[in-house]
Amino acid sequence: MRKTTHMVKHFIPMLVLGFSALSVFAGEKQIEMRVELYSVPQLEAIEMTNQTDASIDATELVKSIRALEKEGAVKLVTTATTISRSGRRAKVANGKEYSYISGYRVKDDREEPVQRTINNGTVFEVDSLIGADESTLDLNFALTYSNHEFEIKKQTMVGPVSGKELPFETVILDQAKITTSVTVKSGQTAMIGTVNQTGDSGKVLMAFLKADIRED
């Protein structure tokens, strides 16, 4: 999947949390969530997908994938872990955050650049809720991954007020994004989605999520 973003202007290192963001609330149950993204050969990925779905514990499948990783047949692309209280949103990001100008707008009869940011790396955001049985977990999340490679094209546009040529850049960034909801038991691992790997038609990105209820 290719996402086009405009006008990267400044490169600003983002705060890296070592892929672990902790939101601890004393005296209450916490939910630890870990997501793993693997690059898997397409044929193997199809076979694995046919064997499991989000309603089945994929713990043994992940063990098999990790064994293949040790043999070099599979690659661990990225991983992220976060801990949060039930009913709260948690977010962890790793990579670099870029400040850029996406274009210009007219304000007070003058041209004003539109400032935005993009994250080139991994962003894992999740809302979690512990069920009444204190074992079932409902998880709504979004996982975004970019491979740190992008293309920048310098361009110009005519200013709507000044009529002058204004510089901007077009950025082509490859991203994989999975947004979904799953219900799992504490300690289980769910396969949360697959995405074709851009630039390599023979590989598929497979994502897994493990959630555990913890008590202080």
N, C-alpha and C. Protein backbone atom coordinates (compact mmCIF):
# COMPACT_ATOMS: atom_id res chain seq x y z
N MET A 1 0.85 -1.17 0.00
CA MET A 1 0.00 0.00 0.00
C MET A 1 0.89 1.23 0.00
N ARG A 2 0.61 2.22 -0.83
CA ARG A 2 1.44 3.40 -0.95
C ARG A 2 0.65 4.62 -0.55
N LYS A 3 1.22 5.39 0.31
CA LYS A 3 0.55 6.59 0.83
C LYS A 3 1.37 7.79 0.43
N THR A 4 0.75 8.78 -0.20
CA THR A 4 1.44 9.97 -0.64
C THR A 4 1.20 11.10 0.34
N THR A 5 2.27 11.70 0.82
CA THR A 5 2.18 12.81 1.73
C THR A 5 2.96 13.97 1.15
N HIS A 6 2.62 15.21 1.47
CA HIS A 6 3.23 16.36 0.84
C HIS A 6 4.20 17.10 1.74
N MET A 7 5.25 17.56 1.14
CA MET A 7 6.11 18.61 1.66
C MET A 7 6.78 18.28 2.97
N VAL A 8 7.75 17.37 2.96
CA VAL A 8 8.56 17.16 4.14
C VAL A 8 9.54 18.32 4.23
N LYS A 9 9.53 19.03 5.33
CA LYS A 9 10.34 20.23 5.46
C LYS A 9 11.47 20.07 6.46
N HIS A 10 11.17 19.51 7.62
CA HIS A 10 12.17 19.32 8.66
C HIS A 10 12.10 17.89 9.17
N PHE A 11 13.23 17.36 9.55
CA PHE A 11 13.27 16.02 10.12
C PHE A 11 13.52 16.15 11.62
N ILE A 12 12.56 15.72 12.45
CA ILE A 12 12.65 15.86 13.89
C ILE A 12 12.59 14.48 14.53
N PRO A 13 13.65 14.03 15.24
CA PRO A 13 13.58 12.71 15.88
C PRO A 13 12.42 12.64 16.85
N MET A 14 11.67 11.55 16.78
CA MET A 14 10.53 11.36 17.67
C MET A 14 10.99 10.70 18.95
N LEU A 15 10.30 10.97 20.04
CA LEU A 15 10.62 10.32 21.30
C LEU A 15 10.42 8.82 21.15
N VAL A 16 11.47 8.07 21.35
CA VAL A 16 11.41 6.61 21.22
C VAL A 16 11.27 6.01 22.61
N LEU A 17 10.25 5.20 22.81
CA LEU A 17 9.98 4.63 24.11
C LEU A 17 10.45 3.19 24.21
N GLY A 18 11.41 2.81 23.35
CA GLY A 18 11.94 1.46 23.40
C GLY A 18 10.86 0.43 23.12
N PHE A 19 9.83 0.86 22.37
CA PHE A 19 8.69 0.00 22.06
C PHE A 19 7.99 -0.49 23.32
N SER A 20 8.01 0.31 24.37
CA SER A 20 7.27 -0.05 25.57
C SER A 20 6.78 1.20 26.25
N ALA A 21 5.46 1.44 26.18
CA ALA A 21 4.87 2.59 26.85
C ALA A 21 4.06 2.08 28.01
N LEU A 22 4.35 2.57 29.22
CA LEU A 22 3.70 2.05 30.41
C LEU A 22 2.80 3.11 31.02
N SER A 23 1.53 2.74 31.25
CA SER A 23 0.59 3.61 31.93
C SER A 23 0.10 2.84 33.15
N VAL A 24 0.72 3.06 34.29
CA VAL A 24 0.48 2.22 35.46
C VAL A 24 -0.46 2.93 36.43
N PHE A 25 -1.46 2.22 36.89
CA PHE A 25 -2.41 2.72 37.86
C PHE A 25 -2.41 1.76 39.04
N ALA A 26 -1.91 2.20 40.18
CA ALA A 26 -1.75 1.33 41.33
C ALA A 26 -3.08 0.78 41.81
N GLY A 27 -3.05 -0.52 42.19
CA GLY A 27 -4.22 -1.13 42.79
C GLY A 27 -5.27 -1.59 41.81
N GLU A 28 -5.04 -1.46 40.51
CA GLU A 28 -6.01 -1.87 39.51
C GLU A 28 -5.37 -2.84 38.53
N LYS A 29 -6.21 -3.67 37.94
CA LYS A 29 -5.71 -4.62 36.96
C LYS A 29 -5.24 -3.88 35.71
N GLN A 30 -4.13 -4.36 35.21
CA GLN A 30 -3.56 -3.78 34.00
C GLN A 30 -3.61 -4.81 32.87
N ILE A 31 -3.59 -4.32 31.65
CA ILE A 31 -3.57 -5.20 30.47
C ILE A 31 -2.28 -4.94 29.72
N GLU A 32 -1.48 -5.99 29.57
CA GLU A 32 -0.25 -5.89 28.78
C GLU A 32 -0.53 -6.44 27.38
N MET A 33 -0.22 -5.64 26.38
CA MET A 33 -0.50 -6.03 25.00
C MET A 33 0.77 -5.94 24.17
N ARG A 34 1.06 -7.02 23.45
CA ARG A 34 2.26 -7.08 22.63
C ARG A 34 1.87 -7.46 21.21
N VAL A 35 2.31 -6.67 20.24
CA VAL A 35 2.03 -6.96 18.84
C VAL A 35 3.34 -7.31 18.14
N GLU A 36 3.28 -8.30 17.26
CA GLU A 36 4.45 -8.73 16.49
C GLU A 36 4.07 -8.80 15.02
N LEU A 37 4.93 -8.27 14.16
CA LEU A 37 4.69 -8.25 12.72
C LEU A 37 5.82 -9.00 12.02
N TYR A 38 5.44 -10.03 11.25
CA TYR A 38 6.43 -10.87 10.57
C TYR A 38 6.27 -10.78 9.06
N SER A 39 7.42 -10.88 8.37
CA SER A 39 7.42 -11.01 6.92
C SER A 39 7.53 -12.50 6.58
N VAL A 40 6.49 -13.03 5.94
CA VAL A 40 6.37 -14.47 5.71
C VAL A 40 6.21 -14.75 4.22
N PRO A 41 6.86 -15.77 3.68
CA PRO A 41 6.63 -16.14 2.28
C PRO A 41 5.15 -16.36 2.02
N GLN A 42 4.70 -15.93 0.86
CA GLN A 42 3.26 -15.89 0.57
C GLN A 42 2.57 -17.25 0.70
N LEU A 43 3.16 -18.29 0.15
CA LEU A 43 2.52 -19.60 0.20
C LEU A 43 2.37 -20.10 1.64
N GLU A 44 3.43 -19.89 2.44
CA GLU A 44 3.35 -20.29 3.85
C GLU A 44 2.31 -19.47 4.59
N ALA A 45 2.22 -18.18 4.25
CA ALA A 45 1.25 -17.31 4.91
C ALA A 45 -0.18 -17.73 4.60
N ILE A 46 -0.43 -18.13 3.35
CA ILE A 46 -1.77 -18.59 2.97
C ILE A 46 -2.15 -19.84 3.74
N GLU A 47 -1.20 -20.77 3.86
CA GLU A 47 -1.47 -22.00 4.59
C GLU A 47 -1.74 -21.72 6.07
N MET A 48 -0.95 -20.82 6.65
CA MET A 48 -1.14 -20.47 8.06
C MET A 48 -2.48 -19.77 8.27
N THR A 49 -2.84 -18.88 7.36
CA THR A 49 -4.11 -18.16 7.48
C THR A 49 -5.29 -19.11 7.42
N ASN A 50 -5.18 -20.15 6.60
CA ASN A 50 -6.26 -21.13 6.49
C ASN A 50 -6.40 -21.97 7.76
N GLN A 51 -5.35 -21.99 8.57
CA GLN A 51 -5.37 -22.81 9.77
C GLN A 51 -5.94 -22.10 10.98
N THR A 52 -6.01 -20.78 10.93
CA THR A 52 -6.43 -20.04 12.12
C THR A 52 -7.19 -18.79 11.73
N ASP A 53 -7.83 -18.15 12.73
CA ASP A 53 -8.50 -16.86 12.55
C ASP A 53 -8.50 -16.15 13.89
N ALA A 54 -9.13 -14.98 13.95
CA ALA A 54 -9.08 -14.16 15.16
C ALA A 54 -9.76 -14.82 16.36
N SER A 55 -10.60 -15.84 16.12
CA SER A 55 -11.32 -16.49 17.22
C SER A 55 -10.55 -17.68 17.80
N ILE A 56 -9.39 -17.99 17.23
CA ILE A 56 -8.61 -19.15 17.66
C ILE A 56 -7.29 -18.68 18.26
N ASP A 57 -6.89 -19.32 19.36
CA ASP A 57 -5.62 -18.98 19.98
C ASP A 57 -4.48 -19.36 19.03
N ALA A 58 -3.68 -18.38 18.65
CA ALA A 58 -2.61 -18.59 17.67
C ALA A 58 -1.24 -18.74 18.33
N THR A 59 -1.22 -19.10 19.61
CA THR A 59 0.05 -19.22 20.34
C THR A 59 1.00 -20.22 19.67
N GLU A 60 0.48 -21.39 19.32
CA GLU A 60 1.32 -22.42 18.69
C GLU A 60 1.79 -21.99 17.31
N LEU A 61 0.93 -21.25 16.59
CA LEU A 61 1.31 -20.76 15.27
C LEU A 61 2.48 -19.78 15.37
N VAL A 62 2.44 -18.90 16.37
CA VAL A 62 3.54 -17.96 16.56
C VAL A 62 4.83 -18.69 16.91
N LYS A 63 4.73 -19.76 17.70
CA LYS A 63 5.91 -20.56 18.01
C LYS A 63 6.53 -21.14 16.74
N SER A 64 5.66 -21.59 15.82
CA SER A 64 6.15 -22.14 14.55
C SER A 64 6.83 -21.07 13.72
N ILE A 65 6.24 -19.86 13.72
CA ILE A 65 6.82 -18.76 12.95
C ILE A 65 8.17 -18.35 13.53
N ARG A 66 8.27 -18.35 14.85
CA ARG A 66 9.55 -18.00 15.49
C ARG A 66 10.61 -19.03 15.17
N ALA A 67 10.21 -20.29 15.05
CA ALA A 67 11.16 -21.34 14.66
C ALA A 67 11.65 -21.10 13.23
N LEU A 68 10.74 -20.71 12.35
CA LEU A 68 11.12 -20.41 10.97
C LEU A 68 12.02 -19.18 10.90
N GLU A 69 11.79 -18.24 11.83
CA GLU A 69 12.64 -17.05 11.87
C GLU A 69 14.08 -17.43 12.20
N LYS A 70 14.26 -18.34 13.15
CA LYS A 70 15.60 -18.78 13.51
C LYS A 70 16.31 -19.46 12.33
N GLU A 71 15.50 -20.08 11.45
CA GLU A 71 16.07 -20.73 10.27
C GLU A 71 16.31 -19.74 9.13
N GLY A 72 15.83 -18.50 9.30
CA GLY A 72 16.02 -17.49 8.27
C GLY A 72 14.92 -17.44 7.23
N ALA A 73 13.89 -18.26 7.37
CA ALA A 73 12.80 -18.30 6.39
C ALA A 73 11.78 -17.20 6.62
N VAL A 74 11.73 -16.68 7.83
CA VAL A 74 10.77 -15.64 8.22
C VAL A 74 11.54 -14.52 8.92
N LYS A 75 11.07 -13.28 8.77
CA LYS A 75 11.73 -12.14 9.40
C LYS A 75 10.78 -11.41 10.33
N LEU A 76 11.23 -11.16 11.57
CA LEU A 76 10.48 -10.31 12.49
C LEU A 76 10.69 -8.87 12.06
N VAL A 77 9.63 -8.21 11.62
CA VAL A 77 9.73 -6.85 11.07
C VAL A 77 9.70 -5.80 12.18
N THR A 78 8.75 -5.94 13.09
CA THR A 78 8.64 -4.98 14.18
C THR A 78 7.82 -5.57 15.32
N THR A 79 8.00 -5.03 16.50
CA THR A 79 7.23 -5.45 17.66
C THR A 79 7.00 -4.25 18.56
N ALA A 80 5.90 -4.24 19.29
CA ALA A 80 5.58 -3.14 20.19
C ALA A 80 4.81 -3.67 21.38
N THR A 81 5.08 -3.13 22.57
CA THR A 81 4.41 -3.55 23.79
C THR A 81 3.90 -2.33 24.54
N THR A 82 2.69 -2.44 25.07
CA THR A 82 2.15 -1.36 25.89
C THR A 82 1.32 -1.94 27.02
N ILE A 83 1.25 -1.22 28.13
CA ILE A 83 0.46 -1.63 29.30
C ILE A 83 -0.49 -0.50 29.65
N SER A 84 -1.76 -0.85 29.88
CA SER A 84 -2.74 0.18 30.17
C SER A 84 -3.85 -0.38 31.06
N ARG A 85 -4.62 0.50 31.65
CA ARG A 85 -5.76 0.10 32.47
C ARG A 85 -6.96 -0.16 31.58
N SER A 86 -7.83 -1.06 32.01
CA SER A 86 -9.05 -1.37 31.28
C SER A 86 -9.87 -0.09 31.05
N GLY A 87 -10.32 0.10 29.81
CA GLY A 87 -11.13 1.26 29.48
C GLY A 87 -10.32 2.48 29.08
N ARG A 88 -9.00 2.37 29.10
CA ARG A 88 -8.15 3.49 28.71
C ARG A 88 -7.48 3.21 27.36
N ARG A 89 -7.12 4.26 26.67
CA ARG A 89 -6.41 4.13 25.40
C ARG A 89 -4.91 4.16 25.65
N ALA A 90 -4.19 3.28 24.96
CA ALA A 90 -2.73 3.24 25.05
C ALA A 90 -2.15 3.41 23.65
N LYS A 91 -1.01 4.06 23.58
CA LYS A 91 -0.37 4.28 22.29
C LYS A 91 1.14 4.23 22.47
N VAL A 92 1.82 3.56 21.54
CA VAL A 92 3.27 3.52 21.53
C VAL A 92 3.73 3.72 20.09
N ALA A 93 4.78 4.52 19.93
CA ALA A 93 5.30 4.82 18.60
C ALA A 93 6.81 4.70 18.61
N ASN A 94 7.37 4.21 17.51
CA ASN A 94 8.81 4.10 17.38
C ASN A 94 9.19 4.48 15.97
N GLY A 95 10.24 5.25 15.84
CA GLY A 95 10.67 5.68 14.53
C GLY A 95 11.03 7.15 14.56
N LYS A 96 10.82 7.84 13.46
CA LYS A 96 11.11 9.26 13.38
C LYS A 96 9.85 10.01 12.96
N GLU A 97 9.64 11.14 13.59
CA GLU A 97 8.52 11.99 13.24
C GLU A 97 9.05 13.14 12.38
N TYR A 98 8.40 13.34 11.25
CA TYR A 98 8.84 14.38 10.32
C TYR A 98 7.83 15.51 10.26
N SER A 99 8.34 16.73 10.40
CA SER A 99 7.51 17.92 10.24
C SER A 99 7.57 18.35 8.78
N TYR A 100 6.44 18.66 8.19
CA TYR A 100 6.43 18.99 6.77
C TYR A 100 5.30 19.98 6.44
N ILE A 101 5.37 20.56 5.27
CA ILE A 101 4.35 21.47 4.77
C ILE A 101 3.57 20.75 3.68
N SER A 102 2.28 20.58 3.89
CA SER A 102 1.46 19.85 2.93
C SER A 102 0.90 20.75 1.83
N GLY A 103 1.01 22.06 2.01
CA GLY A 103 0.50 23.00 1.01
C GLY A 103 0.38 24.38 1.62
N TYR A 104 -0.46 25.20 1.01
CA TYR A 104 -0.64 26.58 1.49
C TYR A 104 -2.12 26.91 1.55
N ARG A 105 -2.48 27.78 2.48
CA ARG A 105 -3.84 28.27 2.58
C ARG A 105 -3.81 29.79 2.69
N VAL A 106 -4.92 30.40 2.34
CA VAL A 106 -5.00 31.86 2.39
C VAL A 106 -5.56 32.28 3.74
N LYS A 107 -4.84 33.15 4.45
CA LYS A 107 -5.27 33.67 5.73
C LYS A 107 -4.86 35.13 5.84
N ASP A 108 -5.83 35.99 6.10
CA ASP A 108 -5.58 37.43 6.20
C ASP A 108 -4.89 37.94 4.94
N ASP A 109 -5.42 37.51 3.79
CA ASP A 109 -4.91 37.94 2.48
C ASP A 109 -3.43 37.61 2.26
N ARG A 110 -2.99 36.55 2.89
CA ARG A 110 -1.62 36.10 2.64
C ARG A 110 -1.57 34.58 2.64
N GLU A 111 -0.52 34.07 2.08
CA GLU A 111 -0.36 32.62 1.97
C GLU A 111 0.32 32.09 3.23
N GLU A 112 -0.30 31.09 3.81
CA GLU A 112 0.23 30.50 5.05
C GLU A 112 0.46 29.02 4.83
N PRO A 113 1.67 28.53 5.11
CA PRO A 113 1.94 27.09 4.93
C PRO A 113 1.15 26.25 5.91
N VAL A 114 0.71 25.09 5.47
CA VAL A 114 -0.01 24.14 6.31
C VAL A 114 0.99 23.14 6.86
N GLN A 115 1.19 23.16 8.17
CA GLN A 115 2.17 22.29 8.82
C GLN A 115 1.50 20.99 9.26
N ARG A 116 2.13 19.89 8.94
CA ARG A 116 1.66 18.58 9.39
C ARG A 116 2.87 17.72 9.76
N THR A 117 2.60 16.52 10.28
CA THR A 117 3.67 15.59 10.61
C THR A 117 3.29 14.19 10.14
N ILE A 118 4.30 13.40 9.88
CA ILE A 118 4.11 11.99 9.59
C ILE A 118 5.06 11.19 10.47
N ASN A 119 4.69 9.97 10.80
CA ASN A 119 5.58 9.08 11.55
C ASN A 119 6.07 7.99 10.62
N ASN A 120 7.37 7.89 10.48
CA ASN A 120 7.97 6.87 9.64
C ASN A 120 8.55 5.79 10.56
N GLY A 121 7.73 4.78 10.84
CA GLY A 121 8.12 3.74 11.77
C GLY A 121 6.91 2.91 12.13
N THR A 122 6.72 2.65 13.41
CA THR A 122 5.60 1.83 13.89
C THR A 122 4.77 2.62 14.90
N VAL A 123 3.46 2.57 14.72
CA VAL A 123 2.54 3.17 15.68
C VAL A 123 1.51 2.10 16.05
N PHE A 124 1.37 1.84 17.34
CA PHE A 124 0.43 0.86 17.86
C PHE A 124 -0.48 1.56 18.86
N GLU A 125 -1.77 1.63 18.54
CA GLU A 125 -2.74 2.31 19.39
C GLU A 125 -3.90 1.36 19.68
N VAL A 126 -4.29 1.25 20.96
CA VAL A 126 -5.29 0.25 21.32
C VAL A 126 -6.18 0.73 22.45
N ASP A 127 -7.47 0.43 22.34
CA ASP A 127 -8.44 0.59 23.42
C ASP A 127 -8.76 -0.81 23.93
N SER A 128 -8.65 -1.03 25.24
CA SER A 128 -8.85 -2.37 25.80
C SER A 128 -9.88 -2.32 26.92
N LEU A 129 -10.61 -3.44 27.06
CA LEU A 129 -11.65 -3.52 28.08
C LEU A 129 -11.71 -4.94 28.63
N ILE A 130 -11.65 -5.07 29.95
CA ILE A 130 -11.77 -6.37 30.60
C ILE A 130 -13.25 -6.69 30.78
N GLY A 131 -13.66 -7.91 30.39
CA GLY A 131 -15.05 -8.32 30.48
C GLY A 131 -15.47 -8.62 31.90
N ALA A 132 -16.78 -8.87 32.05
CA ALA A 132 -17.35 -9.14 33.39
C ALA A 132 -16.76 -10.39 34.02
N ASP A 133 -16.31 -11.35 33.21
CA ASP A 133 -15.72 -12.57 33.76
C ASP A 133 -14.27 -12.38 34.20
N GLU A 134 -13.74 -11.16 34.01
CA GLU A 134 -12.37 -10.80 34.40
C GLU A 134 -11.32 -11.66 33.70
N SER A 135 -11.67 -12.21 32.55
CA SER A 135 -10.74 -13.01 31.77
C SER A 135 -10.78 -12.66 30.28
N THR A 136 -11.98 -12.29 29.81
CA THR A 136 -12.16 -11.94 28.40
C THR A 136 -11.74 -10.49 28.16
N LEU A 137 -11.06 -10.27 27.04
CA LEU A 137 -10.58 -8.94 26.69
C LEU A 137 -11.13 -8.52 25.33
N ASP A 138 -11.72 -7.34 25.27
CA ASP A 138 -12.15 -6.74 24.00
C ASP A 138 -11.14 -5.67 23.63
N LEU A 139 -10.56 -5.81 22.44
CA LEU A 139 -9.48 -4.93 22.01
C LEU A 139 -9.82 -4.28 20.67
N ASN A 140 -9.79 -2.97 20.63
CA ASN A 140 -9.93 -2.21 19.39
C ASN A 140 -8.60 -1.50 19.14
N PHE A 141 -7.99 -1.74 17.99
CA PHE A 141 -6.65 -1.20 17.82
C PHE A 141 -6.36 -0.85 16.36
N ALA A 142 -5.28 -0.09 16.22
CA ALA A 142 -4.75 0.25 14.90
C ALA A 142 -3.24 0.07 14.94
N LEU A 143 -2.72 -0.64 13.96
CA LEU A 143 -1.28 -0.86 13.83
C LEU A 143 -0.83 -0.31 12.48
N THR A 144 0.11 0.62 12.51
CA THR A 144 0.65 1.21 11.28
C THR A 144 2.15 0.98 11.25
N TYR A 145 2.63 0.48 10.12
CA TYR A 145 4.06 0.22 9.97
C TYR A 145 4.55 0.78 8.64
N SER A 146 5.65 1.49 8.67
CA SER A 146 6.32 1.94 7.45
C SER A 146 7.78 1.49 7.51
N ASN A 147 8.33 1.22 6.35
CA ASN A 147 9.64 0.54 6.30
C ASN A 147 10.83 1.49 6.29
N HIS A 148 10.64 2.74 6.64
CA HIS A 148 11.71 3.73 6.75
C HIS A 148 12.30 4.14 5.40
N GLU A 149 11.69 3.71 4.31
CA GLU A 149 12.15 4.12 2.99
C GLU A 149 11.07 4.95 2.33
N PHE A 150 11.45 6.11 1.80
CA PHE A 150 10.48 6.95 1.13
C PHE A 150 11.16 7.76 0.04
N GLU A 151 10.36 8.29 -0.86
CA GLU A 151 10.85 9.06 -1.99
C GLU A 151 10.34 10.49 -1.88
N ILE A 152 11.22 11.45 -2.09
CA ILE A 152 10.86 12.87 -2.02
C ILE A 152 11.00 13.49 -3.41
N LYS A 153 9.95 14.18 -3.86
CA LYS A 153 9.98 14.88 -5.13
C LYS A 153 9.76 16.37 -4.89
N LYS A 154 10.71 17.18 -5.34
CA LYS A 154 10.60 18.63 -5.18
C LYS A 154 9.73 19.20 -6.30
N GLN A 155 8.80 20.06 -5.92
CA GLN A 155 7.90 20.68 -6.89
C GLN A 155 7.64 22.13 -6.50
N THR A 156 6.95 22.85 -7.37
CA THR A 156 6.54 24.22 -7.07
C THR A 156 5.09 24.41 -7.45
N MET A 157 4.45 25.40 -6.82
CA MET A 157 3.09 25.76 -7.14
C MET A 157 2.97 27.28 -7.17
N VAL A 158 1.96 27.77 -7.86
CA VAL A 158 1.73 29.21 -7.94
C VAL A 158 0.90 29.65 -6.75
N GLY A 159 1.41 30.59 -5.99
CA GLY A 159 0.69 31.08 -4.82
C GLY A 159 -0.62 31.74 -5.19
N PRO A 160 -1.72 31.40 -4.51
CA PRO A 160 -3.03 31.95 -4.85
C PRO A 160 -3.16 33.45 -4.61
N VAL A 161 -2.28 34.03 -3.81
CA VAL A 161 -2.33 35.47 -3.53
C VAL A 161 -1.19 36.20 -4.22
N SER A 162 0.02 35.75 -3.98
CA SER A 162 1.19 36.44 -4.51
C SER A 162 1.44 36.17 -5.99
N GLY A 163 0.99 35.03 -6.47
CA GLY A 163 1.27 34.65 -7.85
C GLY A 163 2.69 34.16 -8.03
N LYS A 164 3.45 34.08 -6.94
CA LYS A 164 4.83 33.62 -7.01
C LYS A 164 4.89 32.09 -6.93
N GLU A 165 6.01 31.56 -7.39
CA GLU A 165 6.21 30.12 -7.28
C GLU A 165 6.61 29.78 -5.85
N LEU A 166 5.87 28.86 -5.25
CA LEU A 166 6.15 28.43 -3.89
C LEU A 166 6.63 26.99 -3.91
N PRO A 167 7.74 26.68 -3.25
CA PRO A 167 8.29 25.32 -3.26
C PRO A 167 7.52 24.39 -2.33
N PHE A 168 7.37 23.15 -2.75
CA PHE A 168 6.84 22.12 -1.87
C PHE A 168 7.38 20.78 -2.36
N GLU A 169 7.19 19.77 -1.57
CA GLU A 169 7.69 18.44 -1.92
C GLU A 169 6.59 17.41 -1.79
N THR A 170 6.62 16.42 -2.67
CA THR A 170 5.72 15.28 -2.56
C THR A 170 6.50 14.10 -2.01
N VAL A 171 5.97 13.49 -0.97
CA VAL A 171 6.64 12.36 -0.32
C VAL A 171 5.82 11.10 -0.57
N ILE A 172 6.45 10.08 -1.11
CA ILE A 172 5.81 8.79 -1.33
C ILE A 172 6.31 7.84 -0.27
N LEU A 173 5.39 7.42 0.60
CA LEU A 173 5.74 6.60 1.77
C LEU A 173 4.93 5.31 1.75
N ASP A 174 5.62 4.19 1.84
CA ASP A 174 4.95 2.90 1.89
C ASP A 174 4.54 2.58 3.33
N GLN A 175 3.25 2.29 3.52
CA GLN A 175 2.76 1.96 4.85
C GLN A 175 1.82 0.77 4.79
N ALA A 176 1.87 -0.03 5.84
CA ALA A 176 0.91 -1.12 6.04
C ALA A 176 0.10 -0.75 7.27
N LYS A 177 -1.22 -0.85 7.18
CA LYS A 177 -2.07 -0.48 8.32
C LYS A 177 -3.14 -1.53 8.53
N ILE A 178 -3.30 -1.94 9.78
CA ILE A 178 -4.34 -2.89 10.17
C ILE A 178 -5.15 -2.26 11.28
N THR A 179 -6.45 -2.12 11.06
CA THR A 179 -7.37 -1.59 12.07
C THR A 179 -8.50 -2.59 12.23
N THR A 180 -8.68 -3.12 13.45
CA THR A 180 -9.70 -4.14 13.64
C THR A 180 -10.04 -4.28 15.13
N SER A 181 -10.95 -5.17 15.43
CA SER A 181 -11.34 -5.48 16.81
C SER A 181 -11.27 -6.99 17.01
N VAL A 182 -10.78 -7.41 18.16
CA VAL A 182 -10.72 -8.83 18.49
C VAL A 182 -11.14 -9.04 19.94
N THR A 183 -11.61 -10.25 20.21
CA THR A 183 -11.94 -10.66 21.58
C THR A 183 -11.12 -11.90 21.90
N VAL A 184 -10.32 -11.83 22.96
CA VAL A 184 -9.46 -12.94 23.34
C VAL A 184 -9.53 -13.16 24.84
N LYS A 185 -9.10 -14.34 25.26
CA LYS A 185 -8.94 -14.63 26.68
C LYS A 185 -7.54 -14.18 27.11
N SER A 186 -7.41 -13.78 28.36
CA SER A 186 -6.11 -13.37 28.86
C SER A 186 -5.08 -14.47 28.65
N GLY A 187 -3.95 -14.11 28.08
CA GLY A 187 -2.88 -15.07 27.81
C GLY A 187 -2.90 -15.62 26.40
N GLN A 188 -3.98 -15.39 25.67
CA GLN A 188 -4.07 -15.90 24.30
C GLN A 188 -3.40 -14.95 23.31
N THR A 189 -3.06 -15.53 22.15
CA THR A 189 -2.51 -14.77 21.04
C THR A 189 -3.48 -14.86 19.87
N ALA A 190 -3.78 -13.73 19.24
CA ALA A 190 -4.68 -13.69 18.09
C ALA A 190 -3.93 -13.26 16.85
N MET A 191 -4.24 -13.87 15.71
CA MET A 191 -3.74 -13.38 14.44
C MET A 191 -4.67 -12.25 14.02
N ILE A 192 -4.14 -11.05 13.91
CA ILE A 192 -5.00 -9.87 13.72
C ILE A 192 -5.07 -9.36 12.30
N GLY A 193 -4.27 -9.93 11.40
CA GLY A 193 -4.39 -9.50 10.01
C GLY A 193 -3.16 -9.80 9.18
N THR A 194 -3.33 -9.72 7.87
CA THR A 194 -2.23 -9.89 6.92
C THR A 194 -2.30 -8.78 5.88
N VAL A 195 -1.12 -8.37 5.42
CA VAL A 195 -1.02 -7.31 4.42
C VAL A 195 0.06 -7.70 3.42
N ASN A 196 -0.21 -7.56 2.12
CA ASN A 196 0.83 -7.82 1.12
C ASN A 196 1.98 -6.85 1.33
N GLN A 197 3.20 -7.36 1.25
CA GLN A 197 4.38 -6.54 1.49
C GLN A 197 4.75 -5.78 0.23
N THR A 198 4.70 -4.46 0.30
CA THR A 198 5.02 -3.62 -0.85
C THR A 198 6.46 -3.84 -1.29
N GLY A 199 6.66 -3.98 -2.59
CA GLY A 199 8.00 -4.16 -3.13
C GLY A 199 8.47 -5.59 -3.17
N ASP A 200 7.68 -6.51 -2.61
CA ASP A 200 8.07 -7.91 -2.62
C ASP A 200 6.79 -8.74 -2.74
N SER A 201 6.43 -9.09 -3.97
CA SER A 201 5.18 -9.80 -4.20
C SER A 201 5.17 -11.20 -3.62
N GLY A 202 6.34 -11.70 -3.24
CA GLY A 202 6.42 -13.05 -2.69
C GLY A 202 6.31 -13.11 -1.18
N LYS A 203 6.11 -11.94 -0.53
CA LYS A 203 6.06 -11.88 0.92
C LYS A 203 4.76 -11.25 1.41
N VAL A 204 4.34 -11.68 2.60
CA VAL A 204 3.14 -11.16 3.24
C VAL A 204 3.50 -10.76 4.67
N LEU A 205 2.96 -9.64 5.13
CA LEU A 205 3.14 -9.23 6.52
C LEU A 205 2.01 -9.83 7.35
N MET A 206 2.36 -10.59 8.39
CA MET A 206 1.38 -11.21 9.28
C MET A 206 1.52 -10.61 10.67
N ALA A 207 0.40 -10.17 11.24
CA ALA A 207 0.42 -9.50 12.54
C ALA A 207 -0.27 -10.35 13.60
N PHE A 208 0.33 -10.40 14.79
CA PHE A 208 -0.21 -11.16 15.92
C PHE A 208 -0.24 -10.27 17.16
N LEU A 209 -1.24 -10.50 18.01
CA LEU A 209 -1.39 -9.72 19.21
C LEU A 209 -1.63 -10.65 20.40
N LYS A 210 -0.82 -10.48 21.46
CA LYS A 210 -1.01 -11.22 22.69
C LYS A 210 -1.41 -10.25 23.79
N ALA A 211 -2.40 -10.63 24.60
CA ALA A 211 -2.86 -9.77 25.69
C ALA A 211 -2.92 -10.56 26.99
N ASP A 212 -2.45 -9.94 28.06
CA ASP A 212 -2.45 -10.56 29.38
C ASP A 212 -2.98 -9.59 30.42
N ILE A 213 -3.82 -10.09 31.31
CA ILE A 213 -4.27 -9.28 32.44
C ILE A 213 -3.28 -9.44 33.58
N ARG A 214 -2.82 -8.31 34.11
CA ARG A 214 -1.83 -8.32 35.19
C ARG A 214 -2.42 -7.66 36.41
N GLU A 215 -1.96 -8.12 37.56
CA GLU A 215 -2.37 -7.50 38.82
C GLU A 215 -1.13 -7.02 39.55
N ASP A 216 -1.23 -5.84 40.13
CA ASP A 216 -0.08 -5.29 40.88
C ASP A 216 0.16 -6.11 42.15
